[in-house]
């Protein structure tokens, strides 16, 4: 029987190695990682922290060709339909 915990091979040794790193070493590794580009304060200016709006289940009828087209785009077709409706709503919303 292996002493290695269930999961990915070598995971325990990776966690031990990471736990032994100092904060400065972790920071240096993060800065050197090409997949972790530095960000500026402006990059986060329009960031939103919070829960997404609650979804309301509805029973709606759409033209068959519309549903077929959205479904043909792949997974997430209902999310895309919602985005189209939201865009329409936001561009036609009365201001003031």
PDB file of N, CA and C in Angstrom:
ATOM      1  N   UNK A   1       0.844  -1.182   0.000  1.00  0.00           N
ATOM      2  CA  UNK A   1       0.000   0.000   0.000  1.00  0.00           C
ATOM      3  C   UNK A   1       0.889   1.245   0.000  1.00  0.00           C
ATOM      4  N   UNK A   2       0.508   2.235  -0.750  1.00  0.00           N
ATOM      5  CA  UNK A   2       1.294   3.453  -0.899  1.00  0.00           C
ATOM      6  C   UNK A   2       1.001   4.434   0.229  1.00  0.00           C
ATOM      7  N   UNK A   3       2.038   5.160   0.636  1.00  0.00           N
ATOM      8  CA  UNK A   3       1.852   6.203   1.648  1.00  0.00           C
ATOM      9  C   UNK A   3       1.329   7.479   1.013  1.00  0.00           C
ATOM     10  N   UNK A   4       1.321   7.513  -0.309  1.00  0.00           N
ATOM     11  CA  UNK A   4       0.845   8.685  -1.058  1.00  0.00           C
ATOM     12  C   UNK A   4      -0.666   8.820  -0.906  1.00  0.00           C
ATOM     13  N   UNK A   5      -1.175  10.016  -0.526  1.00  0.00           N
ATOM     14  CA  UNK A   5      -2.625  10.179  -0.408  1.00  0.00           C
ATOM     15  C   UNK A   5      -3.304  10.057  -1.766  1.00  0.00           C
ATOM     16  N   UNK A   6      -4.591   9.736  -1.730  1.00  0.00           N
ATOM     17  CA  UNK A   6      -5.362   9.630  -2.971  1.00  0.00           C
ATOM     18  C   UNK A   6      -5.355  10.968  -3.685  1.00  0.00           C
ATOM     19  N   UNK A   7      -5.418  10.931  -4.977  1.00  0.00           N
ATOM     20  CA  UNK A   7      -5.416  12.163  -5.765  1.00  0.00           C
ATOM     21  C   UNK A   7      -4.275  12.127  -6.760  1.00  0.00           C
ATOM     22  N   UNK A   8      -3.793  13.281  -7.141  1.00  0.00           N
ATOM     23  CA  UNK A   8      -2.733  13.362  -8.137  1.00  0.00           C
ATOM     24  C   UNK A   8      -1.404  12.908  -7.533  1.00  0.00           C
ATOM     25  N   UNK A   9      -0.612  12.140  -8.293  1.00  0.00           N
ATOM     26  CA  UNK A   9       0.690  11.705  -7.794  1.00  0.00           C
ATOM     27  C   UNK A   9       1.579  12.904  -7.490  1.00  0.00           C
ATOM     28  N   UNK A  10       2.297  12.842  -6.375  1.00  0.00           N
ATOM     29  CA  UNK A  10       3.228  13.905  -6.018  1.00  0.00           C
ATOM     30  C   UNK A  10       2.591  15.127  -5.399  1.00  0.00           C
ATOM     31  N   UNK A  11       1.297  15.109  -5.206  1.00  0.00           N
ATOM     32  CA  UNK A  11       0.612  16.291  -4.681  1.00  0.00           C
ATOM     33  C   UNK A  11       1.087  16.642  -3.279  1.00  0.00           C
ATOM     34  N   UNK A  12       1.244  15.634  -2.411  1.00  0.00           N
ATOM     35  CA  UNK A  12       1.671  15.897  -1.040  1.00  0.00           C
ATOM     36  C   UNK A  12       3.052  16.533  -1.025  1.00  0.00           C
ATOM     37  N   UNK A  13       3.974  16.033  -1.865  1.00  0.00           N
ATOM     38  CA  UNK A  13       5.316  16.604  -1.887  1.00  0.00           C
ATOM     39  C   UNK A  13       5.290  18.023  -2.437  1.00  0.00           C
ATOM     40  N   UNK A  14       4.427  18.309  -3.410  1.00  0.00           N
ATOM     41  CA  UNK A  14       4.291  19.674  -3.921  1.00  0.00           C
ATOM     42  C   UNK A  14       3.795  20.607  -2.825  1.00  0.00           C
ATOM     43  N   UNK A  15       2.803  20.157  -2.072  1.00  0.00           N
ATOM     44  CA  UNK A  15       2.265  20.992  -1.001  1.00  0.00           C
ATOM     45  C   UNK A  15       3.311  21.249   0.070  1.00  0.00           C
ATOM     46  N   UNK A  16       4.107  20.238   0.381  1.00  0.00           N
ATOM     47  CA  UNK A  16       5.178  20.422   1.368  1.00  0.00           C
ATOM     48  C   UNK A  16       6.204  21.425   0.855  1.00  0.00           C
ATOM     49  N   UNK A  17       6.556  21.322  -0.425  1.00  0.00           N
ATOM     50  CA  UNK A  17       7.532  22.244  -1.022  1.00  0.00           C
ATOM     51  C   UNK A  17       7.001  23.675  -0.997  1.00  0.00           C
ATOM     52  N   UNK A  18       5.736  23.837  -1.347  1.00  0.00           N
ATOM     53  CA  UNK A  18       5.127  25.171  -1.353  1.00  0.00           C
ATOM     54  C   UNK A  18       5.033  25.725   0.061  1.00  0.00           C
ATOM     55  N   UNK A  19       4.663  24.881   1.014  1.00  0.00           N
ATOM     56  CA  UNK A  19       4.541  25.328   2.407  1.00  0.00           C
ATOM     57  C   UNK A  19       5.876  25.803   2.958  1.00  0.00           C
ATOM     58  N   UNK A  20       6.977  25.277   2.422  1.00  0.00           N
ATOM     59  CA  UNK A  20       8.301  25.656   2.906  1.00  0.00           C
ATOM     60  C   UNK A  20       8.788  26.978   2.314  1.00  0.00           C
ATOM     61  N   UNK A  21       8.105  27.497   1.302  1.00  0.00           N
ATOM     62  CA  UNK A  21       8.530  28.754   0.669  1.00  0.00           C
ATOM     63  C   UNK A  21       8.167  29.951   1.538  1.00  0.00           C
ATOM     64  N   UNK A  22       9.024  30.963   1.498  1.00  0.00           N
ATOM     65  CA  UNK A  22       8.713  32.212   2.203  1.00  0.00           C
ATOM     66  C   UNK A  22       7.768  33.047   1.341  1.00  0.00           C
ATOM     67  N   UNK A  23       7.133  34.036   1.950  1.00  0.00           N
ATOM     68  CA  UNK A  23       6.252  34.932   1.198  1.00  0.00           C
ATOM     69  C   UNK A  23       7.016  35.634   0.077  1.00  0.00           C
ATOM     70  N   UNK A  24       8.260  36.042   0.358  1.00  0.00           N
ATOM     71  CA  UNK A  24       9.070  36.715  -0.660  1.00  0.00           C
ATOM     72  C   UNK A  24       9.363  35.790  -1.841  1.00  0.00           C
ATOM     73  N   UNK A  25       9.626  34.505  -1.557  1.00  0.00           N
ATOM     74  CA  UNK A  25       9.884  33.544  -2.630  1.00  0.00           C
ATOM     75  C   UNK A  25       8.632  33.335  -3.483  1.00  0.00           C
ATOM     76  N   UNK A  26       7.484  33.245  -2.834  1.00  0.00           N
ATOM     77  CA  UNK A  26       6.223  33.077  -3.562  1.00  0.00           C
ATOM     78  C   UNK A  26       5.951  34.295  -4.432  1.00  0.00           C
ATOM     79  N   UNK A  27       6.170  35.485  -3.875  1.00  0.00           N
ATOM     80  CA  UNK A  27       5.975  36.731  -4.629  1.00  0.00           C
ATOM     81  C   UNK A  27       6.897  36.778  -5.847  1.00  0.00           C
ATOM     82  N   UNK A  28       8.161  36.401  -5.661  1.00  0.00           N
ATOM     83  CA  UNK A  28       9.125  36.409  -6.766  1.00  0.00           C
ATOM     84  C   UNK A  28       8.718  35.415  -7.849  1.00  0.00           C
ATOM     85  N   UNK A  29       8.244  34.236  -7.440  1.00  0.00           N
ATOM     86  CA  UNK A  29       7.805  33.234  -8.415  1.00  0.00           C
ATOM     87  C   UNK A  29       6.584  33.732  -9.187  1.00  0.00           C
ATOM     88  N   UNK A  30       5.667  34.384  -8.500  1.00  0.00           N
ATOM     89  CA  UNK A  30       4.467  34.909  -9.157  1.00  0.00           C
ATOM     90  C   UNK A  30       4.838  35.989 -10.165  1.00  0.00           C
ATOM     91  N   UNK A  31       5.767  36.862  -9.802  1.00  0.00           N
ATOM     92  CA  UNK A  31       6.189  37.939 -10.707  1.00  0.00           C
ATOM     93  C   UNK A  31       6.920  37.395 -11.931  1.00  0.00           C
ATOM     94  N   UNK A  32       7.612  36.272 -11.776  1.00  0.00           N
ATOM     95  CA  UNK A  32       8.371  35.690 -12.881  1.00  0.00           C
ATOM     96  C   UNK A  32       7.511  34.804 -13.783  1.00  0.00           C
ATOM     97  N   UNK A  33       6.294  34.516 -13.381  1.00  0.00           N
ATOM     98  CA  UNK A  33       5.415  33.616 -14.132  1.00  0.00           C
ATOM     99  C   UNK A  33       4.790  34.358 -15.310  1.00  0.00           C
ATOM    100  N   UNK A  34       5.083  33.898 -16.529  1.00  0.00           N
ATOM    101  CA  UNK A  34       4.547  34.541 -17.738  1.00  0.00           C
ATOM    102  C   UNK A  34       3.027  34.436 -17.822  1.00  0.00           C
ATOM    103  N   UNK A  35       2.447  33.448 -17.149  1.00  0.00           N
ATOM    104  CA  UNK A  35       0.991  33.280 -17.150  1.00  0.00           C
ATOM    105  C   UNK A  35       0.312  34.118 -16.071  1.00  0.00           C
ATOM    106  N   UNK A  36       1.073  34.941 -15.384  1.00  0.00           N
ATOM    107  CA  UNK A  36       0.543  35.766 -14.301  1.00  0.00           C
ATOM    108  C   UNK A  36       1.017  37.206 -14.496  1.00  0.00           C
ATOM    109  N   UNK A  37       0.509  37.894 -15.537  1.00  0.00           N
ATOM    110  CA  UNK A  37       0.995  39.249 -15.802  1.00  0.00           C
ATOM    111  C   UNK A  37       0.598  40.213 -14.684  1.00  0.00           C
ATOM    112  N   UNK A  38       1.444  41.199 -14.487  1.00  0.00           N
ATOM    113  CA  UNK A  38       1.161  42.217 -13.476  1.00  0.00           C
ATOM    114  C   UNK A  38      -0.073  43.018 -13.886  1.00  0.00           C
ATOM    115  N   UNK A  39      -0.825  43.468 -12.911  1.00  0.00           N
ATOM    116  CA  UNK A  39      -1.989  44.308 -13.191  1.00  0.00           C
ATOM    117  C   UNK A  39      -1.794  45.656 -12.517  1.00  0.00           C
ATOM    118  N   UNK A  40      -2.503  46.622 -13.037  1.00  0.00           N
ATOM    119  CA  UNK A  40      -2.453  47.965 -12.475  1.00  0.00           C
ATOM    120  C   UNK A  40      -3.787  48.273 -11.810  1.00  0.00           C
ATOM    121  N   UNK A  41      -3.816  49.307 -11.011  1.00  0.00           N
ATOM    122  CA  UNK A  41      -5.050  49.713 -10.340  1.00  0.00           C
ATOM    123  C   UNK A  41      -6.156  49.977 -11.367  1.00  0.00           C
ATOM    124  N   UNK A  42      -5.790  50.564 -12.523  1.00  0.00           N
ATOM    125  CA  UNK A  42      -6.779  50.867 -13.560  1.00  0.00           C
ATOM    126  C   UNK A  42      -7.430  49.591 -14.115  1.00  0.00           C
ATOM    127  N   UNK A  43      -6.667  48.495 -14.106  1.00  0.00           N
ATOM    128  CA  UNK A  43      -7.206  47.231 -14.609  1.00  0.00           C
ATOM    129  C   UNK A  43      -8.386  46.748 -13.771  1.00  0.00           C
ATOM    130  N   UNK A  44      -8.439  47.166 -12.537  1.00  0.00           N
ATOM    131  CA  UNK A  44      -9.484  46.710 -11.614  1.00  0.00           C
ATOM    132  C   UNK A  44     -10.555  47.766 -11.378  1.00  0.00           C
ATOM    133  N   UNK A  45     -10.481  48.907 -12.082  1.00  0.00           N
ATOM    134  CA  UNK A  45     -11.395  50.025 -11.834  1.00  0.00           C
ATOM    135  C   UNK A  45     -12.860  49.642 -11.991  1.00  0.00           C
ATOM    136  N   UNK A  46     -13.166  48.779 -12.941  1.00  0.00           N
ATOM    137  CA  UNK A  46     -14.561  48.411 -13.178  1.00  0.00           C
ATOM    138  C   UNK A  46     -14.876  46.990 -12.718  1.00  0.00           C
ATOM    139  N   UNK A  47     -13.999  46.447 -11.894  1.00  0.00           N
ATOM    140  CA  UNK A  47     -14.234  45.087 -11.387  1.00  0.00           C
ATOM    141  C   UNK A  47     -15.438  45.094 -10.451  1.00  0.00           C
ATOM    142  N   UNK A  48     -16.173  43.998 -10.481  1.00  0.00           N
ATOM    143  CA  UNK A  48     -17.348  43.865  -9.621  1.00  0.00           C
ATOM    144  C   UNK A  48     -17.127  42.691  -8.686  1.00  0.00           C
ATOM    145  N   UNK A  49     -17.291  42.941  -7.418  1.00  0.00           N
ATOM    146  CA  UNK A  49     -17.188  41.879  -6.432  1.00  0.00           C
ATOM    147  C   UNK A  49     -18.571  41.686  -5.839  1.00  0.00           C
ATOM    148  N   UNK A  50     -19.088  40.514  -5.961  1.00  0.00           N
ATOM    149  CA  UNK A  50     -20.413  40.237  -5.428  1.00  0.00           C
ATOM    150  C   UNK A  50     -21.036  39.062  -6.140  1.00  0.00           C
ATOM    151  N   UNK A  51     -22.223  38.755  -5.747  1.00  0.00           N
ATOM    152  CA  UNK A  51     -22.942  37.640  -6.348  1.00  0.00           C
ATOM    153  C   UNK A  51     -23.598  38.079  -7.649  1.00  0.00           C
ATOM    154  N   UNK A  52     -23.680  37.181  -8.620  1.00  0.00           N
ATOM    155  CA  UNK A  52     -24.380  37.528  -9.858  1.00  0.00           C
ATOM    156  C   UNK A  52     -25.866  37.700  -9.580  1.00  0.00           C
ATOM    157  N   UNK A  53     -26.563  38.407 -10.454  1.00  0.00           N
ATOM    158  CA  UNK A  53     -27.999  38.586 -10.237  1.00  0.00           C
ATOM    159  C   UNK A  53     -28.706  37.233 -10.180  1.00  0.00           C
ATOM    160  N   UNK A  54     -29.716  37.166  -9.349  1.00  0.00           N
ATOM    161  CA  UNK A  54     -30.469  35.924  -9.212  1.00  0.00           C
ATOM    162  C   UNK A  54     -31.251  35.653 -10.492  1.00  0.00           C
ATOM    163  N   UNK A  55     -31.264  34.419 -10.916  1.00  0.00           N
ATOM    164  CA  UNK A  55     -32.008  34.022 -12.113  1.00  0.00           C
ATOM    165  C   UNK A  55     -33.421  33.623 -11.710  1.00  0.00           C
ATOM    166  N   UNK A  56     -34.380  33.998 -12.530  1.00  0.00           N
ATOM    167  CA  UNK A  56     -35.777  33.643 -12.306  1.00  0.00           C
ATOM    168  C   UNK A  56     -36.197  32.634 -13.360  1.00  0.00           C
ATOM    169  N   UNK A  57     -36.596  31.441 -12.937  1.00  0.00           N
ATOM    170  CA  UNK A  57     -37.037  30.468 -13.939  1.00  0.00           C
ATOM    171  C   UNK A  57     -38.346  30.911 -14.584  1.00  0.00           C
ATOM    172  N   UNK A  58     -38.405  30.801 -15.911  1.00  0.00           N
ATOM    173  CA  UNK A  58     -39.622  31.152 -16.643  1.00  0.00           C
ATOM    174  C   UNK A  58     -39.905  30.072 -17.675  1.00  0.00           C
ATOM    175  N   UNK A  59     -41.150  29.971 -18.050  1.00  0.00           N
ATOM    176  CA  UNK A  59     -41.546  29.086 -19.137  1.00  0.00           C
ATOM    177  C   UNK A  59     -41.905  30.001 -20.300  1.00  0.00           C
ATOM    178  N   UNK A  60     -41.013  30.073 -21.288  1.00  0.00           N
ATOM    179  CA  UNK A  60     -41.221  30.978 -22.420  1.00  0.00           C
ATOM    180  C   UNK A  60     -41.208  30.185 -23.715  1.00  0.00           C
ATOM    181  N   UNK A  61     -41.906  30.693 -24.701  1.00  0.00           N
ATOM    182  CA  UNK A  61     -41.941  30.046 -26.011  1.00  0.00           C
ATOM    183  C   UNK A  61     -41.204  30.936 -27.012  1.00  0.00           C
ATOM    184  N   UNK A  62     -40.264  30.317 -27.743  1.00  0.00           N
ATOM    185  CA  UNK A  62     -39.486  31.013 -28.755  1.00  0.00           C
ATOM    186  C   UNK A  62     -39.693  30.308 -30.088  1.00  0.00           C
ATOM    187  N   UNK A  63     -39.460  31.019 -31.174  1.00  0.00           N
ATOM    188  CA  UNK A  63     -39.528  30.400 -32.494  1.00  0.00           C
ATOM    189  C   UNK A  63     -38.500  29.270 -32.566  1.00  0.00           C
ATOM    190  N   UNK A  64     -38.903  28.180 -33.214  1.00  0.00           N
ATOM    191  CA  UNK A  64     -38.048  26.994 -33.276  1.00  0.00           C
ATOM    192  C   UNK A  64     -36.691  27.293 -33.898  1.00  0.00           C
ATOM    193  N   UNK A  65     -36.675  28.101 -34.970  1.00  0.00           N
ATOM    194  CA  UNK A  65     -35.401  28.384 -35.626  1.00  0.00           C
ATOM    195  C   UNK A  65     -34.466  29.194 -34.735  1.00  0.00           C
ATOM    196  N   UNK A  66     -35.037  30.044 -33.882  1.00  0.00           N
ATOM    197  CA  UNK A  66     -34.217  30.837 -32.959  1.00  0.00           C
ATOM    198  C   UNK A  66     -33.544  29.909 -31.950  1.00  0.00           C
ATOM    199  N   UNK A  67     -34.328  29.025 -31.350  1.00  0.00           N
ATOM    200  CA  UNK A  67     -33.781  28.091 -30.363  1.00  0.00           C
ATOM    201  C   UNK A  67     -32.760  27.164 -31.018  1.00  0.00           C
ATOM    202  N   UNK A  68     -33.067  26.677 -32.214  1.00  0.00           N
ATOM    203  CA  UNK A  68     -32.143  25.794 -32.932  1.00  0.00           C
ATOM    204  C   UNK A  68     -30.822  26.498 -33.180  1.00  0.00           C
ATOM    205  N   UNK A  69     -30.882  27.763 -33.589  1.00  0.00           N
ATOM    206  CA  UNK A  69     -29.656  28.518 -33.861  1.00  0.00           C
ATOM    207  C   UNK A  69     -28.830  28.689 -32.594  1.00  0.00           C
ATOM    208  N   UNK A  70     -29.466  29.095 -31.490  1.00  0.00           N
ATOM    209  CA  UNK A  70     -28.725  29.279 -30.241  1.00  0.00           C
ATOM    210  C   UNK A  70     -28.138  27.956 -29.757  1.00  0.00           C
ATOM    211  N   UNK A  71     -28.909  26.873 -29.834  1.00  0.00           N
ATOM    212  CA  UNK A  71     -28.403  25.567 -29.400  1.00  0.00           C
ATOM    213  C   UNK A  71     -27.224  25.118 -30.256  1.00  0.00           C
ATOM    214  N   UNK A  72     -27.242  25.471 -31.535  1.00  0.00           N
ATOM    215  CA  UNK A  72     -26.154  25.083 -32.436  1.00  0.00           C
ATOM    216  C   UNK A  72     -24.832  25.758 -32.067  1.00  0.00           C
ATOM    217  N   UNK A  73     -24.895  26.827 -31.286  1.00  0.00           N
ATOM    218  CA  UNK A  73     -23.686  27.529 -30.867  1.00  0.00           C
ATOM    219  C   UNK A  73     -22.950  26.769 -29.766  1.00  0.00           C
ATOM    220  N   UNK A  74     -23.603  25.759 -29.193  1.00  0.00           N
ATOM    221  CA  UNK A  74     -22.950  24.942 -28.166  1.00  0.00           C
ATOM    222  C   UNK A  74     -23.515  25.199 -26.780  1.00  0.00           C
ATOM    223  N   UNK A  75     -22.822  24.607 -25.806  1.00  0.00           N
ATOM    224  CA  UNK A  75     -23.255  24.727 -24.414  1.00  0.00           C
ATOM    225  C   UNK A  75     -23.395  26.191 -24.011  1.00  0.00           C
ATOM    226  N   UNK A  76     -24.331  26.454 -23.120  1.00  0.00           N
ATOM    227  CA  UNK A  76     -24.526  27.808 -22.630  1.00  0.00           C
ATOM    228  C   UNK A  76     -25.469  28.633 -23.483  1.00  0.00           C
ATOM    229  N   UNK A  77     -26.284  27.974 -24.295  1.00  0.00           N
ATOM    230  CA  UNK A  77     -27.155  28.741 -25.197  1.00  0.00           C
ATOM    231  C   UNK A  77     -28.146  29.607 -24.423  1.00  0.00           C
ATOM    232  N   UNK A  78     -28.626  29.141 -23.274  1.00  0.00           N
ATOM    233  CA  UNK A  78     -29.571  29.947 -22.496  1.00  0.00           C
ATOM    234  C   UNK A  78     -28.883  31.188 -21.935  1.00  0.00           C
ATOM    235  N   UNK A  79     -27.624  31.052 -21.551  1.00  0.00           N
ATOM    236  CA  UNK A  79     -26.856  32.199 -21.068  1.00  0.00           C
ATOM    237  C   UNK A  79     -26.682  33.217 -22.189  1.00  0.00           C
ATOM    238  N   UNK A  80     -26.405  32.736 -23.409  1.00  0.00           N
ATOM    239  CA  UNK A  80     -26.265  33.654 -24.545  1.00  0.00           C
ATOM    240  C   UNK A  80     -27.588  34.321 -24.881  1.00  0.00           C
ATOM    241  N   UNK A  81     -28.681  33.571 -24.799  1.00  0.00           N
ATOM    242  CA  UNK A  81     -29.998  34.173 -25.045  1.00  0.00           C
ATOM    243  C   UNK A  81     -30.261  35.267 -24.012  1.00  0.00           C
ATOM    244  N   UNK A  82     -29.895  35.009 -22.760  1.00  0.00           N
ATOM    245  CA  UNK A  82     -30.067  36.006 -21.711  1.00  0.00           C
ATOM    246  C   UNK A  82     -29.230  37.255 -22.007  1.00  0.00           C
ATOM    247  N   UNK A  83     -27.999  37.045 -22.501  1.00  0.00           N
ATOM    248  CA  UNK A  83     -27.126  38.178 -22.818  1.00  0.00           C
ATOM    249  C   UNK A  83     -27.717  39.035 -23.934  1.00  0.00           C
ATOM    250  N   UNK A  84     -28.307  38.391 -24.941  1.00  0.00           N
ATOM    251  CA  UNK A  84     -28.943  39.136 -26.038  1.00  0.00           C
ATOM    252  C   UNK A  84     -30.125  39.941 -25.510  1.00  0.00           C
ATOM    253  N   UNK A  85     -30.945  39.315 -24.679  1.00  0.00           N
ATOM    254  CA  UNK A  85     -32.095  40.024 -24.097  1.00  0.00           C
ATOM    255  C   UNK A  85     -31.632  41.170 -23.198  1.00  0.00           C
ATOM    256  N   UNK A  86     -30.574  40.940 -22.422  1.00  0.00           N
ATOM    257  CA  UNK A  86     -30.050  41.997 -21.547  1.00  0.00           C
ATOM    258  C   UNK A  86     -29.538  43.173 -22.376  1.00  0.00           C
ATOM    259  N   UNK A  87     -28.808  42.878 -23.454  1.00  0.00           N
ATOM    260  CA  UNK A  87     -28.298  43.946 -24.321  1.00  0.00           C
ATOM    261  C   UNK A  87     -29.459  44.763 -24.891  1.00  0.00           C
ATOM    262  N   UNK A  88     -30.479  44.086 -25.363  1.00  0.00           N
ATOM    263  CA  UNK A  88     -31.654  44.779 -25.892  1.00  0.00           C
ATOM    264  C   UNK A  88     -32.280  45.656 -24.811  1.00  0.00           C
ATOM    265  N   UNK A  89     -32.459  45.096 -23.616  1.00  0.00           N
ATOM    266  CA  UNK A  89     -33.065  45.844 -22.517  1.00  0.00           C
ATOM    267  C   UNK A  89     -32.245  47.094 -22.180  1.00  0.00           C
ATOM    268  N   UNK A  90     -30.927  46.919 -22.086  1.00  0.00           N
ATOM    269  CA  UNK A  90     -30.077  48.046 -21.695  1.00  0.00           C
ATOM    270  C   UNK A  90     -30.016  49.124 -22.768  1.00  0.00           C
ATOM    271  N   UNK A  91     -30.093  48.758 -24.038  1.00  0.00           N
ATOM    272  CA  UNK A  91     -30.046  49.769 -25.095  1.00  0.00           C
ATOM    273  C   UNK A  91     -31.391  50.451 -25.304  1.00  0.00           C
ATOM    274  N   UNK A  92     -32.463  49.846 -24.832  1.00  0.00           N
ATOM    275  CA  UNK A  92     -33.793  50.427 -24.999  1.00  0.00           C
ATOM    276  C   UNK A  92     -34.395  50.961 -23.703  1.00  0.00           C
ATOM    277  N   UNK A  93     -33.650  50.857 -22.632  1.00  0.00           N
ATOM    278  CA  UNK A  93     -34.132  51.342 -21.338  1.00  0.00           C
ATOM    279  C   UNK A  93     -34.207  52.865 -21.380  1.00  0.00           C
ATOM    280  N   UNK A  94     -35.291  53.396 -20.891  1.00  0.00           N
ATOM    281  CA  UNK A  94     -35.439  54.851 -20.846  1.00  0.00           C
ATOM    282  C   UNK A  94     -34.576  55.394 -19.719  1.00  0.00           C
ATOM    283  N   UNK A  95     -33.825  56.452 -20.017  1.00  0.00           N
ATOM    284  CA  UNK A  95     -32.992  57.066 -18.986  1.00  0.00           C
ATOM    285  C   UNK A  95     -33.761  58.194 -18.331  1.00  0.00           C
ATOM    286  N   UNK A  96     -33.430  58.422 -17.071  1.00  0.00           N
ATOM    287  CA  UNK A  96     -34.030  59.535 -16.350  1.00  0.00           C
ATOM    288  C   UNK A  96     -35.223  59.112 -15.649  1.00  0.00           C
TER     289      UNK A  96
END
